[in-house]
């Protein structure tokens, strides 16, 4: 095992979190484009079983989510969390 592999293995938990957040961000955007309200999407078991409220807040700060959903909708969702 090389040094790079050892470092990558030691910090693998960081990439797992970002992959989960990435999948949830894609899910939220996709469901929103299908016409579902953001509050309903954020209350889905798929989201609530995989993310804490703090992680959801961080999700709503992601530039691609803000761009796709709009600033006003994100602000309203943050107030509801």
N, C-alpha and C. Protein backbone atom coordinates (compact mmCIF):
# COMPACT_ATOMS: atom_id res chain seq x y z
N UNK A 1 0.85 -1.17 0.00
CA UNK A 1 0.00 0.00 0.00
C UNK A 1 0.90 1.23 0.00
N UNK A 2 0.64 2.14 -0.90
CA UNK A 2 1.44 3.35 -0.99
C UNK A 2 0.96 4.41 -0.02
N UNK A 3 1.73 5.45 0.06
CA UNK A 3 1.39 6.56 0.97
C UNK A 3 0.08 7.21 0.54
N UNK A 4 -0.11 7.39 -0.77
CA UNK A 4 -1.34 8.02 -1.25
C UNK A 4 -2.55 7.18 -0.89
N UNK A 5 -2.44 5.85 -1.06
CA UNK A 5 -3.55 4.97 -0.71
C UNK A 5 -3.86 5.02 0.78
N UNK A 6 -2.83 5.10 1.60
CA UNK A 6 -3.01 5.18 3.05
C UNK A 6 -3.73 6.46 3.44
N UNK A 7 -3.33 7.56 2.85
CA UNK A 7 -3.98 8.85 3.14
C UNK A 7 -5.42 8.83 2.64
N UNK A 8 -5.62 8.33 1.44
CA UNK A 8 -6.98 8.27 0.88
C UNK A 8 -7.88 7.42 1.76
N UNK A 9 -7.36 6.29 2.27
CA UNK A 9 -8.15 5.42 3.14
C UNK A 9 -8.47 6.07 4.47
N UNK A 10 -7.52 6.84 5.00
CA UNK A 10 -7.72 7.49 6.29
C UNK A 10 -8.79 8.58 6.23
N UNK A 11 -8.95 9.17 5.07
CA UNK A 11 -9.92 10.26 4.92
C UNK A 11 -11.11 9.87 4.05
N UNK A 12 -11.36 8.59 3.89
CA UNK A 12 -12.46 8.14 3.04
C UNK A 12 -13.82 8.58 3.56
N UNK A 13 -13.92 8.79 4.88
CA UNK A 13 -15.21 9.22 5.44
C UNK A 13 -15.63 10.58 4.90
N UNK A 14 -14.68 11.42 4.50
CA UNK A 14 -15.03 12.74 3.95
C UNK A 14 -15.71 12.61 2.60
N UNK A 15 -15.21 11.74 1.75
CA UNK A 15 -15.82 11.57 0.44
C UNK A 15 -17.18 10.90 0.53
N UNK A 16 -17.38 10.03 1.50
CA UNK A 16 -18.68 9.38 1.67
C UNK A 16 -19.75 10.41 1.99
N UNK A 17 -19.41 11.35 2.85
CA UNK A 17 -20.38 12.38 3.20
C UNK A 17 -20.71 13.23 1.98
N UNK A 18 -19.72 13.64 1.23
CA UNK A 18 -19.97 14.50 0.09
C UNK A 18 -20.74 13.76 -1.00
N UNK A 19 -20.51 12.43 -1.14
CA UNK A 19 -21.27 11.66 -2.12
C UNK A 19 -22.74 11.59 -1.73
N UNK A 20 -23.01 11.42 -0.45
CA UNK A 20 -24.39 11.40 0.02
C UNK A 20 -25.05 12.75 -0.22
N UNK A 21 -24.35 13.81 0.14
CA UNK A 21 -24.91 15.15 -0.07
C UNK A 21 -25.12 15.43 -1.55
N UNK A 22 -24.21 14.95 -2.38
CA UNK A 22 -24.35 15.13 -3.83
C UNK A 22 -25.59 14.42 -4.35
N UNK A 23 -25.81 13.18 -3.91
CA UNK A 23 -27.00 12.43 -4.34
C UNK A 23 -28.28 13.10 -3.87
N UNK A 24 -28.28 13.59 -2.64
CA UNK A 24 -29.48 14.25 -2.11
C UNK A 24 -29.73 15.56 -2.86
N UNK A 25 -28.66 16.30 -3.15
CA UNK A 25 -28.81 17.55 -3.91
C UNK A 25 -29.43 17.26 -5.28
N UNK A 26 -28.94 16.24 -5.95
CA UNK A 26 -29.50 15.86 -7.26
C UNK A 26 -30.96 15.45 -7.12
N UNK A 27 -31.28 14.73 -6.06
CA UNK A 27 -32.66 14.29 -5.82
C UNK A 27 -33.57 15.50 -5.60
N UNK A 28 -33.13 16.44 -4.76
CA UNK A 28 -33.94 17.62 -4.47
C UNK A 28 -34.19 18.42 -5.75
N UNK A 29 -33.16 18.62 -6.53
CA UNK A 29 -33.30 19.37 -7.79
C UNK A 29 -34.24 18.64 -8.75
N UNK A 30 -34.04 17.34 -8.90
CA UNK A 30 -34.87 16.55 -9.83
C UNK A 30 -36.34 16.59 -9.42
N UNK A 31 -36.60 16.37 -8.12
CA UNK A 31 -37.99 16.38 -7.65
C UNK A 31 -38.62 17.76 -7.78
N UNK A 32 -37.84 18.80 -7.57
CA UNK A 32 -38.35 20.16 -7.72
C UNK A 32 -38.73 20.42 -9.18
N UNK A 33 -37.90 19.95 -10.11
CA UNK A 33 -38.21 20.11 -11.53
C UNK A 33 -39.47 19.33 -11.93
N UNK A 34 -39.78 18.29 -11.18
CA UNK A 34 -41.01 17.53 -11.44
C UNK A 34 -42.24 18.24 -10.89
N UNK A 35 -42.02 19.35 -10.17
CA UNK A 35 -43.14 20.16 -9.70
C UNK A 35 -43.49 20.01 -8.23
N UNK A 36 -42.69 19.27 -7.49
CA UNK A 36 -42.99 19.09 -6.06
C UNK A 36 -42.50 20.28 -5.26
N UNK A 37 -43.25 20.66 -4.22
CA UNK A 37 -42.80 21.75 -3.34
C UNK A 37 -41.55 21.34 -2.55
N UNK A 38 -40.67 22.30 -2.31
CA UNK A 38 -39.41 22.02 -1.62
C UNK A 38 -39.65 21.48 -0.21
N UNK A 39 -40.59 22.03 0.51
CA UNK A 39 -40.86 21.56 1.88
C UNK A 39 -41.24 20.08 1.88
N UNK A 40 -42.02 19.68 0.91
CA UNK A 40 -42.43 18.27 0.79
C UNK A 40 -41.23 17.38 0.48
N UNK A 41 -40.36 17.85 -0.42
CA UNK A 41 -39.16 17.08 -0.78
C UNK A 41 -38.25 16.91 0.42
N UNK A 42 -38.05 17.98 1.18
CA UNK A 42 -37.15 17.92 2.33
C UNK A 42 -37.70 17.04 3.45
N UNK A 43 -39.01 16.78 3.44
CA UNK A 43 -39.62 15.89 4.43
C UNK A 43 -39.71 14.44 3.97
N UNK A 44 -39.25 14.16 2.75
CA UNK A 44 -39.23 12.78 2.25
C UNK A 44 -38.34 11.93 3.15
N UNK A 45 -38.74 10.69 3.32
CA UNK A 45 -37.92 9.76 4.12
C UNK A 45 -36.54 9.60 3.51
N UNK A 46 -36.44 9.67 2.18
CA UNK A 46 -35.14 9.56 1.51
C UNK A 46 -34.17 10.62 2.03
N UNK A 47 -34.69 11.82 2.26
CA UNK A 47 -33.84 12.92 2.75
C UNK A 47 -33.66 12.83 4.26
N UNK A 48 -34.75 12.67 5.00
CA UNK A 48 -34.67 12.70 6.46
C UNK A 48 -33.91 11.51 7.04
N UNK A 49 -33.90 10.39 6.35
CA UNK A 49 -33.16 9.23 6.83
C UNK A 49 -31.66 9.32 6.57
N UNK A 50 -31.26 10.23 5.71
CA UNK A 50 -29.86 10.31 5.32
C UNK A 50 -29.15 11.59 5.76
N UNK A 51 -29.93 12.59 6.21
CA UNK A 51 -29.32 13.87 6.55
C UNK A 51 -29.93 14.42 7.84
N UNK A 52 -29.09 15.07 8.62
CA UNK A 52 -29.56 15.78 9.81
C UNK A 52 -30.08 17.15 9.37
N UNK A 53 -30.82 17.84 10.23
CA UNK A 53 -31.25 19.20 9.88
C UNK A 53 -30.09 20.13 9.55
N UNK A 54 -28.96 19.99 10.24
CA UNK A 54 -27.79 20.81 9.92
C UNK A 54 -27.24 20.50 8.52
N UNK A 55 -27.26 19.24 8.15
CA UNK A 55 -26.80 18.87 6.81
C UNK A 55 -27.74 19.39 5.74
N UNK A 56 -29.04 19.41 6.04
CA UNK A 56 -30.02 19.97 5.09
C UNK A 56 -29.76 21.46 4.92
N UNK A 57 -29.47 22.15 6.01
CA UNK A 57 -29.15 23.58 5.91
C UNK A 57 -27.92 23.79 5.03
N UNK A 58 -26.93 22.93 5.21
CA UNK A 58 -25.72 23.02 4.39
C UNK A 58 -26.05 22.72 2.93
N UNK A 59 -26.94 21.78 2.70
CA UNK A 59 -27.39 21.45 1.35
C UNK A 59 -28.01 22.67 0.67
N UNK A 60 -28.79 23.41 1.44
CA UNK A 60 -29.46 24.59 0.89
C UNK A 60 -28.50 25.74 0.62
N UNK A 61 -27.26 25.62 1.08
CA UNK A 61 -26.23 26.62 0.80
C UNK A 61 -25.42 26.28 -0.44
N UNK A 62 -25.63 25.11 -1.00
CA UNK A 62 -24.86 24.70 -2.18
C UNK A 62 -25.25 25.56 -3.38
N UNK A 63 -24.27 26.09 -4.10
CA UNK A 63 -24.56 26.99 -5.22
C UNK A 63 -25.46 26.38 -6.29
N UNK A 64 -25.27 25.09 -6.61
CA UNK A 64 -26.09 24.49 -7.66
C UNK A 64 -27.54 24.34 -7.22
N UNK A 65 -27.77 24.12 -5.93
CA UNK A 65 -29.14 24.01 -5.42
C UNK A 65 -29.80 25.38 -5.43
N UNK A 66 -29.08 26.39 -4.99
CA UNK A 66 -29.62 27.76 -5.01
C UNK A 66 -29.95 28.17 -6.43
N UNK A 67 -29.05 27.87 -7.36
CA UNK A 67 -29.26 28.23 -8.77
C UNK A 67 -30.51 27.56 -9.34
N UNK A 68 -30.67 26.27 -9.06
CA UNK A 68 -31.79 25.52 -9.62
C UNK A 68 -33.13 25.85 -8.98
N UNK A 69 -33.13 26.12 -7.69
CA UNK A 69 -34.39 26.33 -6.98
C UNK A 69 -34.75 27.80 -6.83
N UNK A 70 -33.77 28.67 -6.85
CA UNK A 70 -34.02 30.10 -6.70
C UNK A 70 -33.80 30.57 -5.28
N UNK A 71 -33.31 31.79 -5.15
CA UNK A 71 -33.00 32.36 -3.84
C UNK A 71 -34.21 32.47 -2.93
N UNK A 72 -35.34 32.89 -3.47
CA UNK A 72 -36.54 33.09 -2.64
C UNK A 72 -37.02 31.78 -2.03
N UNK A 73 -37.03 30.73 -2.83
CA UNK A 73 -37.47 29.43 -2.34
C UNK A 73 -36.52 28.89 -1.27
N UNK A 74 -35.23 29.08 -1.47
CA UNK A 74 -34.23 28.62 -0.50
C UNK A 74 -34.40 29.39 0.82
N UNK A 75 -34.61 30.70 0.74
CA UNK A 75 -34.79 31.50 1.95
C UNK A 75 -36.01 31.03 2.73
N UNK A 76 -37.10 30.77 2.04
CA UNK A 76 -38.31 30.27 2.71
C UNK A 76 -38.07 28.91 3.37
N UNK A 77 -37.32 28.05 2.69
CA UNK A 77 -37.05 26.73 3.25
C UNK A 77 -36.15 26.84 4.48
N UNK A 78 -35.18 27.71 4.45
CA UNK A 78 -34.29 27.89 5.62
C UNK A 78 -35.08 28.36 6.83
N UNK A 79 -36.07 29.20 6.61
CA UNK A 79 -36.87 29.70 7.73
C UNK A 79 -37.73 28.58 8.31
N UNK A 80 -38.08 27.60 7.51
CA UNK A 80 -38.92 26.52 7.96
C UNK A 80 -38.18 25.40 8.67
N UNK A 81 -36.85 25.40 8.58
CA UNK A 81 -36.06 24.31 9.18
C UNK A 81 -35.79 24.60 10.63
